[in-house]
Every structure is written in structure tokens, then in C-alpha cells.
């Protein structure tokens, strides 16, 4: 668990693993399975092409590392209630 100082109040956040082909996120407070706000930190290497006017366009992007910092339920706003559960029919 990580404590974050937001200026006026501190909030606790828990990291949740990314879902895969056999799992998905579920809010244990309200049952939401489909809507989440995900805060993540990424380290990336990008190939940026500048046109003749100087406008940049990312043509290639490689994610070197990525960390999910928090997953918040969009329905009930809970941060510490999102869990990883089995997908129905996974592995069938």
C-alpha cells in the first residue's frame, strides 16, 4: 500500500496487477466489471519524426517498463476495492 499526499488529505492506494486472458478486474464494493480509471507510470522509447514545418509525429513507441499505480472504480469511486478475478469461461 502506498500513501499519497494530495495537499489537503492523504489517500491510500493499492497496486493491482493487470488483467490477462484468464482474469479481469472487479470492484468488490459495487460489482463493477467494466469501468475503471487507471493511473500508470511508463518508461518509453519513442521514434519521433518531425515534418518540414516542425510538427512531431510519434512513429514508433516501445514500452520499456510500466507500473500500475492505482485502479479506481468509475461507478463508486473506490480505490482499494478493485481486485483481480477469474473471467467466466477462461481456460475452456
Protein backbone atom coordinates (compact mmCIF):
# COMPACT_ATOMS: atom_id res chain seq x y z
CA UNK A 1 0.00 0.00 0.00
CA UNK A 2 1.22 3.47 -0.84
CA UNK A 3 0.16 6.72 0.80
CA UNK A 4 -0.18 9.77 -1.43
CA UNK A 5 -0.20 13.33 -0.17
CA UNK A 6 -2.74 15.37 -2.16
CA UNK A 7 -2.17 18.59 -0.23
CA UNK A 8 -5.25 18.58 2.00
CA UNK A 9 -5.69 14.88 2.65
CA UNK A 10 -3.79 11.65 2.24
CA UNK A 11 -5.26 8.77 0.27
CA UNK A 12 -4.15 5.16 0.33
CA UNK A 13 -3.73 3.29 -2.93
CA UNK A 14 -3.00 -0.36 -3.64
CA UNK A 15 -1.40 -1.65 -6.78
CA UNK A 16 -3.47 -4.16 -8.72
CA UNK A 17 -1.98 -6.50 -11.34
CA UNK A 18 -3.04 -6.09 -14.96
CA UNK A 19 -5.76 -8.47 -16.14
CA UNK A 20 -4.79 -11.16 -18.64
CA UNK A 21 -6.68 -13.62 -20.86
CA UNK A 22 -7.90 -15.54 -17.79
CA UNK A 23 -8.57 -12.71 -15.31
CA UNK A 24 -10.34 -9.34 -15.10
CA UNK A 25 -10.84 -6.50 -12.64
CA UNK A 26 -13.86 -6.37 -10.36
CA UNK A 27 -14.83 -3.80 -7.75
CA UNK A 28 -15.64 -5.78 -4.61
CA UNK A 29 -17.68 -2.84 -3.26
CA UNK A 30 -20.21 -2.34 -6.10
CA UNK A 31 -19.56 -5.26 -8.50
CA UNK A 32 -18.37 -3.12 -11.46
CA UNK A 33 -16.55 -5.16 -14.11
CA UNK A 34 -16.19 -2.65 -16.94
CA UNK A 35 -15.29 0.94 -15.96
CA UNK A 36 -12.06 1.89 -14.17
CA UNK A 37 -9.67 4.85 -14.03
CA UNK A 38 -6.12 3.53 -14.24
CA UNK A 39 -3.10 5.56 -13.12
CA UNK A 40 0.11 4.18 -14.55
CA UNK A 41 3.75 5.19 -14.87
CA UNK A 42 5.53 4.27 -18.08
CA UNK A 43 9.08 4.47 -19.34
CA UNK A 44 9.04 4.53 -23.15
CA UNK A 45 11.38 4.96 -26.07
CA UNK A 46 9.79 6.80 -28.99
CA UNK A 47 10.89 7.43 -32.55
CA UNK A 48 9.66 10.94 -33.31
CA UNK A 49 9.51 12.19 -36.89
CA UNK A 50 9.35 15.95 -37.39
CA UNK A 51 7.81 17.15 -40.66
CA UNK A 52 9.30 20.12 -42.52
CA UNK A 53 7.09 22.50 -40.54
CA UNK A 54 8.47 21.07 -37.30
CA UNK A 55 5.30 19.18 -36.26
CA UNK A 56 6.21 16.00 -34.34
CA UNK A 57 4.64 12.61 -35.01
CA UNK A 58 5.44 9.51 -32.94
CA UNK A 59 6.01 6.72 -35.47
CA UNK A 60 7.30 4.00 -33.12
CA UNK A 61 6.80 3.50 -29.40
CA UNK A 62 8.43 0.84 -27.22
CA UNK A 63 7.30 0.44 -23.61
CA UNK A 64 10.43 -0.32 -21.58
CA UNK A 65 8.63 -0.59 -18.24
CA UNK A 66 5.18 0.10 -16.91
CA UNK A 67 3.72 0.16 -13.40
CA UNK A 68 0.04 0.33 -12.49
CA UNK A 69 -0.10 2.79 -9.58
CA UNK A 70 -3.82 2.62 -8.88
CA UNK A 71 -7.12 1.38 -10.29
CA UNK A 72 -10.21 3.34 -9.26
CA UNK A 73 -13.79 2.17 -9.81
CA UNK A 74 -15.66 4.62 -12.06
CA UNK A 75 -19.03 3.67 -10.52
CA UNK A 76 -18.40 4.04 -6.77
CA UNK A 77 -15.01 5.83 -6.75
CA UNK A 78 -13.37 3.12 -4.61
CA UNK A 79 -9.60 2.74 -4.98
CA UNK A 80 -8.76 -0.02 -2.52
CA UNK A 81 -11.64 -2.33 -3.52
CA UNK A 82 -10.57 -3.36 -7.04
CA UNK A 83 -9.48 -6.99 -7.23
CA UNK A 84 -8.41 -9.49 -9.87
CA UNK A 85 -10.97 -12.28 -10.50
CA UNK A 86 -11.27 -15.16 -12.97
CA UNK A 87 -13.03 -14.48 -16.29
CA UNK A 88 -16.02 -16.71 -16.92
CA UNK A 89 -15.14 -19.49 -19.33
CA UNK A 90 -11.40 -18.77 -19.12
CA UNK A 91 -9.31 -21.79 -19.91
CA UNK A 92 -12.23 -23.64 -21.53
